[in-house]
Amino acid sequence: MTAFFHSPFFNASLIAGPLIFLMAWVFQKFPPRTMNAWYGYRSYLSMHSPEMWKEANRYIAVLAKYLSWILTPWGLLAALLFSTQTDLFYYFTIAPVVIGILYICGSTEYHIHQMLKPGEDELKGGASTDFPN
């Protein structure tokens, strides 16, 4: 069993790809109906309104599915190119997972930020984010 864990086929991209696909499938099949602390894509902006909550969860599920389609073949390619788990192998398999997750979260935030009406502040109560001089 330890031989499998030290095999190049046991890598971050190959593990994260199917897990992210499963998360995306669950979000699409059973979308969170209400804003809650247990299930769904939660950020300050996504919890601004029920419409933004639904759209953020729909949008991140689509992006997560695309990311999983990239990570899984990437992990297989890494497993075929490397014969052992080296430092370069770790960078080659972990970096796409981290970059991909940061990208889908940032892209989702940008997408729901576009849903704000002109002049509407993203902070409830319209408080300014500028610091006093």
N, C-alpha and C. Protein backbone atom coordinates (compact mmCIF):
# COMPACT_ATOMS: atom_id res chain seq x y z
N MET A 1 0.83 -1.20 0.00
CA MET A 1 0.00 0.00 0.00
C MET A 1 0.87 1.26 0.00
N THR A 2 2.00 1.23 0.71
CA THR A 2 2.86 2.42 0.73
C THR A 2 3.47 2.67 -0.64
N ALA A 3 3.62 1.63 -1.45
CA ALA A 3 4.16 1.82 -2.80
C ALA A 3 3.21 2.70 -3.62
N PHE A 4 1.92 2.57 -3.41
CA PHE A 4 0.96 3.40 -4.13
C PHE A 4 1.10 4.86 -3.73
N PHE A 5 1.28 5.12 -2.42
CA PHE A 5 1.40 6.50 -1.95
C PHE A 5 2.67 7.17 -2.45
N HIS A 6 3.68 6.40 -2.77
CA HIS A 6 4.94 6.94 -3.29
C HIS A 6 5.00 6.88 -4.81
N SER A 7 3.96 6.40 -5.43
CA SER A 7 3.87 6.32 -6.88
C SER A 7 3.54 7.70 -7.44
N PRO A 8 4.01 8.03 -8.65
CA PRO A 8 3.63 9.31 -9.24
C PRO A 8 2.14 9.39 -9.59
N PHE A 9 1.44 8.27 -9.59
CA PHE A 9 0.00 8.30 -9.85
C PHE A 9 -0.78 8.79 -8.63
N PHE A 10 -0.12 8.93 -7.49
CA PHE A 10 -0.73 9.51 -6.30
C PHE A 10 -0.26 10.96 -6.23
N ASN A 11 -0.97 11.83 -6.95
CA ASN A 11 -0.56 13.23 -6.98
C ASN A 11 -1.75 14.16 -6.77
N ALA A 12 -1.42 15.43 -6.45
CA ALA A 12 -2.45 16.39 -6.08
C ALA A 12 -3.46 16.63 -7.20
N SER A 13 -2.99 16.72 -8.43
CA SER A 13 -3.91 17.00 -9.54
C SER A 13 -4.86 15.83 -9.79
N LEU A 14 -4.33 14.62 -9.68
CA LEU A 14 -5.19 13.44 -9.90
C LEU A 14 -6.18 13.23 -8.77
N ILE A 15 -5.85 13.66 -7.59
CA ILE A 15 -6.77 13.53 -6.45
C ILE A 15 -7.77 14.68 -6.46
N ALA A 16 -7.29 15.90 -6.66
CA ALA A 16 -8.16 17.08 -6.60
C ALA A 16 -9.12 17.13 -7.78
N GLY A 17 -8.70 16.68 -8.96
CA GLY A 17 -9.58 16.74 -10.14
C GLY A 17 -10.91 16.04 -9.92
N PRO A 18 -10.91 14.75 -9.57
CA PRO A 18 -12.20 14.08 -9.32
C PRO A 18 -12.96 14.65 -8.11
N LEU A 19 -12.25 15.10 -7.08
CA LEU A 19 -12.94 15.68 -5.92
C LEU A 19 -13.63 16.99 -6.29
N ILE A 20 -12.97 17.81 -7.08
CA ILE A 20 -13.58 19.06 -7.52
C ILE A 20 -14.74 18.78 -8.46
N PHE A 21 -14.61 17.76 -9.30
CA PHE A 21 -15.73 17.37 -10.17
C PHE A 21 -16.92 16.93 -9.33
N LEU A 22 -16.67 16.15 -8.29
CA LEU A 22 -17.75 15.70 -7.40
C LEU A 22 -18.42 16.89 -6.73
N MET A 23 -17.63 17.85 -6.26
CA MET A 23 -18.19 19.05 -5.65
C MET A 23 -19.06 19.82 -6.65
N ALA A 24 -18.56 19.97 -7.88
CA ALA A 24 -19.31 20.69 -8.90
C ALA A 24 -20.61 19.95 -9.24
N TRP A 25 -20.54 18.64 -9.32
CA TRP A 25 -21.73 17.85 -9.62
C TRP A 25 -22.78 18.01 -8.52
N VAL A 26 -22.34 17.97 -7.26
CA VAL A 26 -23.26 18.13 -6.13
C VAL A 26 -23.88 19.53 -6.15
N PHE A 27 -23.05 20.56 -6.44
CA PHE A 27 -23.58 21.93 -6.50
C PHE A 27 -24.60 22.07 -7.63
N GLN A 28 -24.39 21.37 -8.74
CA GLN A 28 -25.34 21.48 -9.84
C GLN A 28 -26.59 20.63 -9.61
N LYS A 29 -26.41 19.45 -9.07
CA LYS A 29 -27.54 18.54 -8.85
C LYS A 29 -28.39 18.97 -7.66
N PHE A 30 -27.73 19.40 -6.59
CA PHE A 30 -28.42 19.80 -5.36
C PHE A 30 -27.94 21.19 -4.95
N PRO A 31 -28.34 22.24 -5.68
CA PRO A 31 -27.85 23.58 -5.34
C PRO A 31 -28.37 24.01 -3.97
N PRO A 32 -27.56 24.76 -3.24
CA PRO A 32 -28.04 25.24 -1.93
C PRO A 32 -29.22 26.18 -2.14
N ARG A 33 -30.27 25.93 -1.42
CA ARG A 33 -31.51 26.70 -1.62
C ARG A 33 -31.50 28.01 -0.83
N THR A 34 -30.90 27.99 0.34
CA THR A 34 -30.86 29.18 1.16
C THR A 34 -29.43 29.47 1.58
N MET A 35 -29.18 30.71 1.97
CA MET A 35 -27.86 31.06 2.49
C MET A 35 -27.68 30.39 3.83
N ASN A 36 -26.62 29.63 3.96
CA ASN A 36 -26.37 28.93 5.22
C ASN A 36 -24.88 28.84 5.47
N ALA A 37 -24.52 28.37 6.63
CA ALA A 37 -23.11 28.28 7.00
C ALA A 37 -22.52 26.91 6.70
N TRP A 38 -23.29 25.99 6.15
CA TRP A 38 -22.81 24.62 5.97
C TRP A 38 -22.50 24.25 4.53
N TYR A 39 -23.23 24.79 3.60
CA TYR A 39 -23.17 24.27 2.25
C TYR A 39 -23.31 25.40 1.25
N GLY A 40 -22.38 25.50 0.33
CA GLY A 40 -22.45 26.49 -0.72
C GLY A 40 -21.21 27.37 -0.76
N TYR A 41 -21.11 28.15 -1.81
CA TYR A 41 -20.01 29.10 -1.96
C TYR A 41 -20.34 30.33 -1.15
N ARG A 42 -19.57 30.57 -0.09
CA ARG A 42 -19.85 31.67 0.81
C ARG A 42 -18.73 32.70 0.76
N SER A 43 -19.10 33.91 0.47
CA SER A 43 -18.22 35.06 0.60
C SER A 43 -19.12 36.23 0.99
N TYR A 44 -18.50 37.31 1.37
CA TYR A 44 -19.31 38.46 1.77
C TYR A 44 -20.19 38.93 0.62
N LEU A 45 -19.62 38.97 -0.57
CA LEU A 45 -20.37 39.45 -1.72
C LEU A 45 -21.44 38.46 -2.17
N SER A 46 -21.16 37.17 -2.09
CA SER A 46 -22.16 36.19 -2.52
C SER A 46 -23.36 36.15 -1.58
N MET A 47 -23.18 36.60 -0.36
CA MET A 47 -24.29 36.60 0.60
C MET A 47 -24.99 37.96 0.65
N HIS A 48 -24.71 38.79 -0.34
CA HIS A 48 -25.31 40.13 -0.41
C HIS A 48 -26.81 40.05 -0.64
N SER A 49 -27.24 39.12 -1.47
CA SER A 49 -28.67 38.96 -1.74
C SER A 49 -28.91 37.50 -2.17
N PRO A 50 -30.15 37.04 -2.09
CA PRO A 50 -30.44 35.67 -2.52
C PRO A 50 -30.13 35.42 -4.00
N GLU A 51 -30.32 36.43 -4.84
CA GLU A 51 -30.00 36.26 -6.26
C GLU A 51 -28.50 36.06 -6.47
N MET A 52 -27.70 36.85 -5.76
CA MET A 52 -26.25 36.72 -5.88
C MET A 52 -25.78 35.38 -5.32
N TRP A 53 -26.42 34.91 -4.26
CA TRP A 53 -26.10 33.62 -3.67
C TRP A 53 -26.32 32.49 -4.68
N LYS A 54 -27.49 32.51 -5.32
CA LYS A 54 -27.80 31.47 -6.30
C LYS A 54 -26.87 31.54 -7.50
N GLU A 55 -26.61 32.72 -8.00
CA GLU A 55 -25.75 32.88 -9.16
C GLU A 55 -24.31 32.49 -8.85
N ALA A 56 -23.82 32.86 -7.66
CA ALA A 56 -22.45 32.50 -7.29
C ALA A 56 -22.29 30.99 -7.21
N ASN A 57 -23.25 30.31 -6.64
CA ASN A 57 -23.18 28.85 -6.54
C ASN A 57 -23.32 28.17 -7.89
N ARG A 58 -24.14 28.72 -8.76
CA ARG A 58 -24.27 28.17 -10.10
C ARG A 58 -22.97 28.38 -10.89
N TYR A 59 -22.43 29.58 -10.81
CA TYR A 59 -21.24 29.93 -11.59
C TYR A 59 -20.00 29.16 -11.14
N ILE A 60 -19.81 29.03 -9.83
CA ILE A 60 -18.61 28.32 -9.37
C ILE A 60 -18.71 26.83 -9.68
N ALA A 61 -19.91 26.28 -9.74
CA ALA A 61 -20.06 24.87 -10.10
C ALA A 61 -19.62 24.63 -11.55
N VAL A 62 -19.97 25.55 -12.43
CA VAL A 62 -19.56 25.43 -13.84
C VAL A 62 -18.04 25.55 -13.95
N LEU A 63 -17.46 26.56 -13.30
CA LEU A 63 -16.01 26.73 -13.36
C LEU A 63 -15.27 25.57 -12.72
N ALA A 64 -15.80 25.04 -11.63
CA ALA A 64 -15.15 23.91 -10.96
C ALA A 64 -15.15 22.67 -11.85
N LYS A 65 -16.21 22.49 -12.60
CA LYS A 65 -16.26 21.35 -13.52
C LYS A 65 -15.19 21.50 -14.61
N TYR A 66 -15.04 22.71 -15.15
CA TYR A 66 -13.98 22.95 -16.13
C TYR A 66 -12.60 22.71 -15.52
N LEU A 67 -12.40 23.18 -14.30
CA LEU A 67 -11.11 22.99 -13.64
C LEU A 67 -10.81 21.51 -13.45
N SER A 68 -11.80 20.73 -13.09
CA SER A 68 -11.58 19.29 -12.90
C SER A 68 -11.20 18.62 -14.21
N TRP A 69 -11.78 19.11 -15.33
CA TRP A 69 -11.43 18.55 -16.64
C TRP A 69 -10.00 18.89 -17.03
N ILE A 70 -9.43 19.93 -16.46
CA ILE A 70 -8.03 20.29 -16.72
C ILE A 70 -7.11 19.54 -15.77
N LEU A 71 -7.47 19.47 -14.50
CA LEU A 71 -6.58 18.87 -13.50
C LEU A 71 -6.38 17.38 -13.68
N THR A 72 -7.42 16.66 -14.04
CA THR A 72 -7.31 15.20 -14.15
C THR A 72 -6.34 14.79 -15.26
N PRO A 73 -6.47 15.30 -16.48
CA PRO A 73 -5.46 14.93 -17.49
C PRO A 73 -4.07 15.45 -17.14
N TRP A 74 -4.01 16.62 -16.47
CA TRP A 74 -2.72 17.16 -16.05
C TRP A 74 -2.04 16.20 -15.07
N GLY A 75 -2.81 15.66 -14.14
CA GLY A 75 -2.26 14.69 -13.19
C GLY A 75 -1.81 13.41 -13.86
N LEU A 76 -2.57 12.95 -14.85
CA LEU A 76 -2.15 11.76 -15.60
C LEU A 76 -0.87 12.03 -16.39
N LEU A 77 -0.78 13.21 -16.98
CA LEU A 77 0.43 13.58 -17.71
C LEU A 77 1.63 13.61 -16.78
N ALA A 78 1.45 14.18 -15.58
CA ALA A 78 2.54 14.23 -14.61
C ALA A 78 2.95 12.84 -14.18
N ALA A 79 1.99 11.95 -14.01
CA ALA A 79 2.30 10.58 -13.61
C ALA A 79 3.07 9.84 -14.69
N LEU A 80 2.79 10.16 -15.94
CA LEU A 80 3.50 9.50 -17.05
C LEU A 80 4.88 10.10 -17.29
N LEU A 81 5.04 11.40 -17.02
CA LEU A 81 6.32 12.06 -17.26
C LEU A 81 7.35 11.80 -16.16
N PHE A 82 6.88 11.67 -14.93
CA PHE A 82 7.79 11.50 -13.79
C PHE A 82 7.78 10.05 -13.33
N SER A 83 8.96 9.53 -13.03
CA SER A 83 9.02 8.15 -12.54
C SER A 83 8.98 8.09 -11.01
N THR A 84 9.36 9.19 -10.35
CA THR A 84 9.31 9.25 -8.88
C THR A 84 8.76 10.60 -8.46
N GLN A 85 8.43 10.69 -7.19
CA GLN A 85 7.93 11.95 -6.66
C GLN A 85 9.12 12.79 -6.22
N THR A 86 9.44 13.79 -7.01
CA THR A 86 10.53 14.71 -6.70
C THR A 86 9.95 16.07 -6.36
N ASP A 87 10.81 17.01 -5.98
CA ASP A 87 10.34 18.36 -5.69
C ASP A 87 9.68 18.99 -6.92
N LEU A 88 10.29 18.81 -8.07
CA LEU A 88 9.70 19.34 -9.30
C LEU A 88 8.34 18.72 -9.58
N PHE A 89 8.20 17.43 -9.28
CA PHE A 89 6.93 16.74 -9.44
C PHE A 89 5.86 17.36 -8.55
N TYR A 90 6.24 17.67 -7.30
CA TYR A 90 5.27 18.30 -6.38
C TYR A 90 4.83 19.66 -6.91
N TYR A 91 5.78 20.46 -7.37
CA TYR A 91 5.42 21.76 -7.92
C TYR A 91 4.55 21.61 -9.16
N PHE A 92 4.86 20.63 -9.97
CA PHE A 92 4.15 20.39 -11.22
C PHE A 92 2.71 19.94 -10.97
N THR A 93 2.43 19.30 -9.85
CA THR A 93 1.08 18.80 -9.58
C THR A 93 0.30 19.65 -8.58
N ILE A 94 0.97 20.31 -7.66
CA ILE A 94 0.26 21.10 -6.65
C ILE A 94 -0.06 22.50 -7.17
N ALA A 95 0.85 23.10 -7.92
CA ALA A 95 0.64 24.47 -8.42
C ALA A 95 -0.64 24.61 -9.24
N PRO A 96 -0.94 23.70 -10.17
CA PRO A 96 -2.20 23.87 -10.92
C PRO A 96 -3.45 23.82 -10.04
N VAL A 97 -3.41 23.03 -8.99
CA VAL A 97 -4.57 22.95 -8.08
C VAL A 97 -4.76 24.29 -7.37
N VAL A 98 -3.68 24.82 -6.82
CA VAL A 98 -3.77 26.08 -6.08
C VAL A 98 -4.15 27.22 -7.02
N ILE A 99 -3.50 27.31 -8.16
CA ILE A 99 -3.80 28.38 -9.12
C ILE A 99 -5.24 28.25 -9.63
N GLY A 100 -5.68 27.03 -9.91
CA GLY A 100 -7.04 26.82 -10.41
C GLY A 100 -8.10 27.21 -9.39
N ILE A 101 -7.89 26.86 -8.14
CA ILE A 101 -8.87 27.21 -7.10
C ILE A 101 -8.90 28.72 -6.88
N LEU A 102 -7.73 29.34 -6.86
CA LEU A 102 -7.70 30.80 -6.74
C LEU A 102 -8.40 31.46 -7.93
N TYR A 103 -8.19 30.92 -9.11
CA TYR A 103 -8.83 31.48 -10.31
C TYR A 103 -10.35 31.36 -10.25
N ILE A 104 -10.87 30.18 -9.91
CA ILE A 104 -12.33 30.04 -9.93
C ILE A 104 -12.99 30.88 -8.84
N CYS A 105 -12.32 31.03 -7.69
CA CYS A 105 -12.89 31.89 -6.64
C CYS A 105 -12.85 33.35 -7.07
N GLY A 106 -11.72 33.80 -7.60
CA GLY A 106 -11.62 35.19 -8.06
C GLY A 106 -12.56 35.49 -9.20
N SER A 107 -12.69 34.56 -10.13
CA SER A 107 -13.59 34.76 -11.26
C SER A 107 -15.05 34.81 -10.81
N THR A 108 -15.39 34.00 -9.84
CA THR A 108 -16.76 34.01 -9.30
C THR A 108 -17.04 35.34 -8.61
N GLU A 109 -16.08 35.82 -7.83
CA GLU A 109 -16.27 37.11 -7.16
C GLU A 109 -16.42 38.23 -8.18
N TYR A 110 -15.61 38.20 -9.23
CA TYR A 110 -15.72 39.22 -10.28
C TYR A 110 -17.09 39.14 -10.96
N HIS A 111 -17.54 37.92 -11.23
CA HIS A 111 -18.83 37.73 -11.91
C HIS A 111 -19.99 38.28 -11.06
N ILE A 112 -19.99 37.96 -9.79
CA ILE A 112 -21.12 38.45 -8.98
C ILE A 112 -20.98 39.94 -8.65
N HIS A 113 -19.74 40.45 -8.69
CA HIS A 113 -19.57 41.89 -8.50
C HIS A 113 -20.22 42.65 -9.65
N GLN A 114 -20.23 42.05 -10.85
CA GLN A 114 -20.87 42.67 -12.01
C GLN A 114 -22.39 42.73 -11.85
N MET A 115 -22.93 41.95 -10.92
CA MET A 115 -24.38 41.95 -10.69
C MET A 115 -24.84 43.13 -9.84
N LEU A 116 -23.90 43.82 -9.19
CA LEU A 116 -24.28 44.98 -8.38
C LEU A 116 -24.84 46.06 -9.29
N LYS A 117 -25.86 46.73 -8.81
CA LYS A 117 -26.45 47.82 -9.59
C LYS A 117 -25.51 49.03 -9.53
N PRO A 118 -25.52 49.87 -10.56
CA PRO A 118 -24.67 51.06 -10.53
C PRO A 118 -24.98 51.92 -9.32
N GLY A 119 -23.94 52.32 -8.62
CA GLY A 119 -24.09 53.13 -7.41
C GLY A 119 -24.33 52.33 -6.15
N GLU A 120 -24.58 51.04 -6.28
CA GLU A 120 -24.81 50.20 -5.12
C GLU A 120 -23.46 49.78 -4.54
N ASP A 121 -23.29 49.99 -3.25
CA ASP A 121 -22.03 49.61 -2.61
C ASP A 121 -22.11 48.16 -2.20
N GLU A 122 -20.99 47.47 -2.27
CA GLU A 122 -21.01 46.06 -1.90
C GLU A 122 -21.11 45.85 -0.40
N LEU A 123 -20.81 46.89 0.38
CA LEU A 123 -20.95 46.77 1.82
C LEU A 123 -22.37 47.15 2.22
N LYS A 124 -22.98 46.36 3.08
CA LYS A 124 -24.34 46.66 3.53
C LYS A 124 -24.32 47.97 4.32
N GLY A 125 -25.28 48.78 4.07
CA GLY A 125 -25.34 50.08 4.76
C GLY A 125 -24.59 51.15 3.99
N GLY A 126 -23.92 50.78 2.89
CA GLY A 126 -23.23 51.78 2.08
C GLY A 126 -22.00 52.37 2.71
N ALA A 127 -21.40 51.70 3.69
CA ALA A 127 -20.20 52.22 4.34
C ALA A 127 -19.05 52.26 3.35
N SER A 128 -18.25 53.30 3.46
CA SER A 128 -17.12 53.45 2.55
C SER A 128 -15.95 52.60 3.03
N THR A 129 -15.15 52.14 2.08
CA THR A 129 -13.97 51.35 2.46
C THR A 129 -12.72 52.22 2.54
N ASP A 130 -12.85 53.54 2.27
CA ASP A 130 -11.69 54.44 2.33
C ASP A 130 -11.32 54.71 3.77
N PHE A 131 -10.02 54.78 4.03
CA PHE A 131 -9.54 55.11 5.36
C PHE A 131 -9.43 56.61 5.49
N PRO A 132 -9.68 57.17 6.70
CA PRO A 132 -9.54 58.62 6.87
C PRO A 132 -8.07 59.02 6.75
N ASN A 133 -7.84 60.27 6.30
CA ASN A 133 -6.45 60.76 6.15
C ASN A 133 -5.86 61.09 7.47
